[in-house]
Amino acid sequence: MRHAPDHALRLIEFEYDGEDRLLVIGDNGHGTLLELVLVPAADPGRVIHADRLRPSLFEYLR
């Protein structure tokens, strides 16, 4: 999980419930794609979600 933000394939800023968030798509260092959500988006300091990349987010890799 620590590898993904530093080697991100995509960074997507979005708003959820009035809070700016940063979606990071990257790999875990072993080839598995991950999705992470960090807050706040401007100065990410906290991971609030981490999981394998869901198919619904594959579109961001195009």
N, C-alpha and C. Protein backbone atom coordinates (compact mmCIF):
# COMPACT_ATOMS: atom_id res chain seq x y z
N MET A 1 0.82 -1.19 0.00
CA MET A 1 0.00 0.00 0.00
C MET A 1 0.87 1.25 0.00
N ARG A 2 1.99 1.23 0.64
CA ARG A 2 2.85 2.42 0.68
C ARG A 2 3.51 2.70 -0.66
N HIS A 3 3.63 1.69 -1.48
CA HIS A 3 4.26 1.83 -2.79
C HIS A 3 3.34 2.59 -3.76
N ALA A 4 2.04 2.36 -3.68
CA ALA A 4 1.10 2.90 -4.66
C ALA A 4 1.10 4.43 -4.77
N PRO A 5 1.03 5.19 -3.68
CA PRO A 5 1.01 6.66 -3.84
C PRO A 5 2.28 7.21 -4.47
N ASP A 6 3.41 6.62 -4.16
CA ASP A 6 4.69 7.10 -4.70
C ASP A 6 4.89 6.72 -6.15
N HIS A 7 4.18 5.70 -6.61
CA HIS A 7 4.32 5.22 -7.99
C HIS A 7 2.95 5.17 -8.65
N ALA A 8 2.16 6.21 -8.44
CA ALA A 8 0.78 6.25 -8.92
C ALA A 8 0.71 6.25 -10.44
N LEU A 9 -0.26 5.50 -10.95
CA LEU A 9 -0.56 5.53 -12.38
C LEU A 9 -1.53 6.67 -12.68
N ARG A 10 -2.44 6.92 -11.75
CA ARG A 10 -3.42 8.00 -11.91
C ARG A 10 -3.71 8.64 -10.56
N LEU A 11 -3.93 9.95 -10.58
CA LEU A 11 -4.38 10.71 -9.43
C LEU A 11 -5.65 11.44 -9.84
N ILE A 12 -6.73 11.22 -9.14
CA ILE A 12 -8.02 11.82 -9.48
C ILE A 12 -8.56 12.53 -8.25
N GLU A 13 -8.75 13.84 -8.36
CA GLU A 13 -9.36 14.60 -7.26
C GLU A 13 -10.87 14.57 -7.43
N PHE A 14 -11.57 14.39 -6.30
CA PHE A 14 -13.03 14.41 -6.33
C PHE A 14 -13.55 14.88 -4.98
N GLU A 15 -14.83 15.22 -4.97
CA GLU A 15 -15.46 15.69 -3.74
C GLU A 15 -16.47 14.64 -3.29
N TYR A 16 -16.48 14.39 -2.00
CA TYR A 16 -17.45 13.46 -1.43
C TYR A 16 -17.92 14.03 -0.10
N ASP A 17 -19.21 14.24 0.00
CA ASP A 17 -19.81 14.74 1.24
C ASP A 17 -19.16 16.04 1.71
N GLY A 18 -18.85 16.93 0.74
CA GLY A 18 -18.28 18.23 1.05
C GLY A 18 -16.80 18.24 1.34
N GLU A 19 -16.13 17.10 1.16
CA GLU A 19 -14.70 17.01 1.46
C GLU A 19 -13.94 16.63 0.19
N ASP A 20 -12.84 17.36 -0.09
CA ASP A 20 -12.01 17.03 -1.24
C ASP A 20 -11.17 15.81 -0.92
N ARG A 21 -11.17 14.87 -1.86
CA ARG A 21 -10.43 13.62 -1.67
C ARG A 21 -9.58 13.34 -2.89
N LEU A 22 -8.62 12.47 -2.73
CA LEU A 22 -7.71 12.11 -3.80
C LEU A 22 -7.76 10.61 -3.99
N LEU A 23 -8.17 10.17 -5.19
CA LEU A 23 -8.15 8.75 -5.55
C LEU A 23 -6.82 8.47 -6.20
N VAL A 24 -6.09 7.51 -5.66
CA VAL A 24 -4.79 7.11 -6.19
C VAL A 24 -4.94 5.70 -6.74
N ILE A 25 -4.55 5.52 -8.00
CA ILE A 25 -4.49 4.19 -8.59
C ILE A 25 -3.03 3.89 -8.85
N GLY A 26 -2.58 2.80 -8.26
CA GLY A 26 -1.18 2.41 -8.40
C GLY A 26 -1.02 0.95 -8.08
N ASP A 27 0.20 0.46 -8.21
CA ASP A 27 0.41 -0.95 -7.90
C ASP A 27 1.08 -1.09 -6.54
N ASN A 28 1.03 -2.31 -6.01
CA ASN A 28 1.56 -2.56 -4.67
C ASN A 28 3.03 -2.95 -4.68
N GLY A 29 3.68 -2.85 -5.81
CA GLY A 29 5.08 -3.23 -5.92
C GLY A 29 5.27 -4.65 -6.41
N HIS A 30 4.16 -5.39 -6.47
CA HIS A 30 4.19 -6.77 -6.97
C HIS A 30 3.26 -6.95 -8.16
N GLY A 31 2.74 -5.83 -8.69
CA GLY A 31 1.91 -5.89 -9.89
C GLY A 31 0.42 -5.85 -9.65
N THR A 32 -0.04 -5.95 -8.43
CA THR A 32 -1.47 -5.88 -8.14
C THR A 32 -1.89 -4.41 -8.10
N LEU A 33 -2.91 -4.06 -8.89
CA LEU A 33 -3.39 -2.68 -8.91
C LEU A 33 -4.26 -2.41 -7.69
N LEU A 34 -4.01 -1.25 -7.08
CA LEU A 34 -4.74 -0.84 -5.89
C LEU A 34 -5.45 0.48 -6.11
N GLU A 35 -6.50 0.69 -5.35
CA GLU A 35 -7.17 1.99 -5.27
C GLU A 35 -7.05 2.46 -3.83
N LEU A 36 -6.64 3.70 -3.69
CA LEU A 36 -6.54 4.31 -2.36
C LEU A 36 -7.24 5.65 -2.40
N VAL A 37 -7.88 6.01 -1.31
CA VAL A 37 -8.48 7.33 -1.17
C VAL A 37 -7.78 8.02 -0.02
N LEU A 38 -7.23 9.20 -0.32
CA LEU A 38 -6.49 9.98 0.67
C LEU A 38 -7.20 11.30 0.92
N VAL A 39 -7.09 11.79 2.14
CA VAL A 39 -7.64 13.10 2.50
C VAL A 39 -6.61 13.86 3.31
N PRO A 40 -6.66 15.17 3.29
CA PRO A 40 -7.35 15.99 2.29
C PRO A 40 -6.61 15.93 0.96
N ALA A 41 -7.30 16.25 -0.11
CA ALA A 41 -6.73 16.14 -1.45
C ALA A 41 -5.53 17.06 -1.65
N ALA A 42 -5.58 18.27 -1.09
CA ALA A 42 -4.51 19.24 -1.31
C ALA A 42 -3.19 18.83 -0.65
N ASP A 43 -3.29 18.17 0.49
CA ASP A 43 -2.10 17.75 1.23
C ASP A 43 -2.39 16.39 1.87
N PRO A 44 -2.42 15.33 1.05
CA PRO A 44 -2.85 14.03 1.55
C PRO A 44 -2.00 13.55 2.72
N GLY A 45 -2.65 13.28 3.83
CA GLY A 45 -1.93 12.82 4.99
C GLY A 45 -2.53 11.58 5.62
N ARG A 46 -3.68 11.15 5.07
CA ARG A 46 -4.38 10.04 5.70
C ARG A 46 -5.05 9.18 4.64
N VAL A 47 -4.85 7.89 4.69
CA VAL A 47 -5.52 6.94 3.80
C VAL A 47 -6.80 6.51 4.49
N ILE A 48 -7.94 6.72 3.81
CA ILE A 48 -9.22 6.32 4.41
C ILE A 48 -9.83 5.11 3.71
N HIS A 49 -9.22 4.69 2.60
CA HIS A 49 -9.71 3.51 1.88
C HIS A 49 -8.56 2.92 1.09
N ALA A 50 -8.44 1.60 1.13
CA ALA A 50 -7.44 0.90 0.33
C ALA A 50 -7.97 -0.48 -0.01
N ASP A 51 -7.89 -0.83 -1.30
CA ASP A 51 -8.39 -2.13 -1.74
C ASP A 51 -7.81 -2.42 -3.11
N ARG A 52 -8.03 -3.64 -3.59
CA ARG A 52 -7.68 -3.95 -4.98
C ARG A 52 -8.55 -3.08 -5.88
N LEU A 53 -8.00 -2.73 -7.03
CA LEU A 53 -8.72 -1.87 -7.96
C LEU A 53 -9.98 -2.57 -8.46
N ARG A 54 -11.12 -1.92 -8.29
CA ARG A 54 -12.40 -2.46 -8.75
C ARG A 54 -12.56 -2.21 -10.24
N PRO A 55 -13.24 -3.14 -10.94
CA PRO A 55 -13.47 -2.96 -12.37
C PRO A 55 -14.16 -1.64 -12.72
N SER A 56 -14.98 -1.12 -11.83
CA SER A 56 -15.69 0.13 -12.12
C SER A 56 -14.73 1.32 -12.23
N LEU A 57 -13.49 1.17 -11.77
CA LEU A 57 -12.51 2.25 -11.85
C LEU A 57 -11.49 2.04 -12.96
N PHE A 58 -11.60 0.95 -13.70
CA PHE A 58 -10.66 0.67 -14.80
C PHE A 58 -10.65 1.79 -15.83
N GLU A 59 -11.78 2.49 -16.00
CA GLU A 59 -11.87 3.55 -17.01
C GLU A 59 -10.83 4.64 -16.79
N TYR A 60 -10.38 4.85 -15.57
CA TYR A 60 -9.38 5.87 -15.28
C TYR A 60 -7.99 5.49 -15.80
N LEU A 61 -7.82 4.25 -16.22
CA LEU A 61 -6.52 3.81 -16.73
C LEU A 61 -6.38 4.04 -18.23
N ARG A 62 -7.42 4.53 -18.88
CA ARG A 62 -7.36 4.77 -20.33
C ARG A 62 -6.68 6.06 -20.64
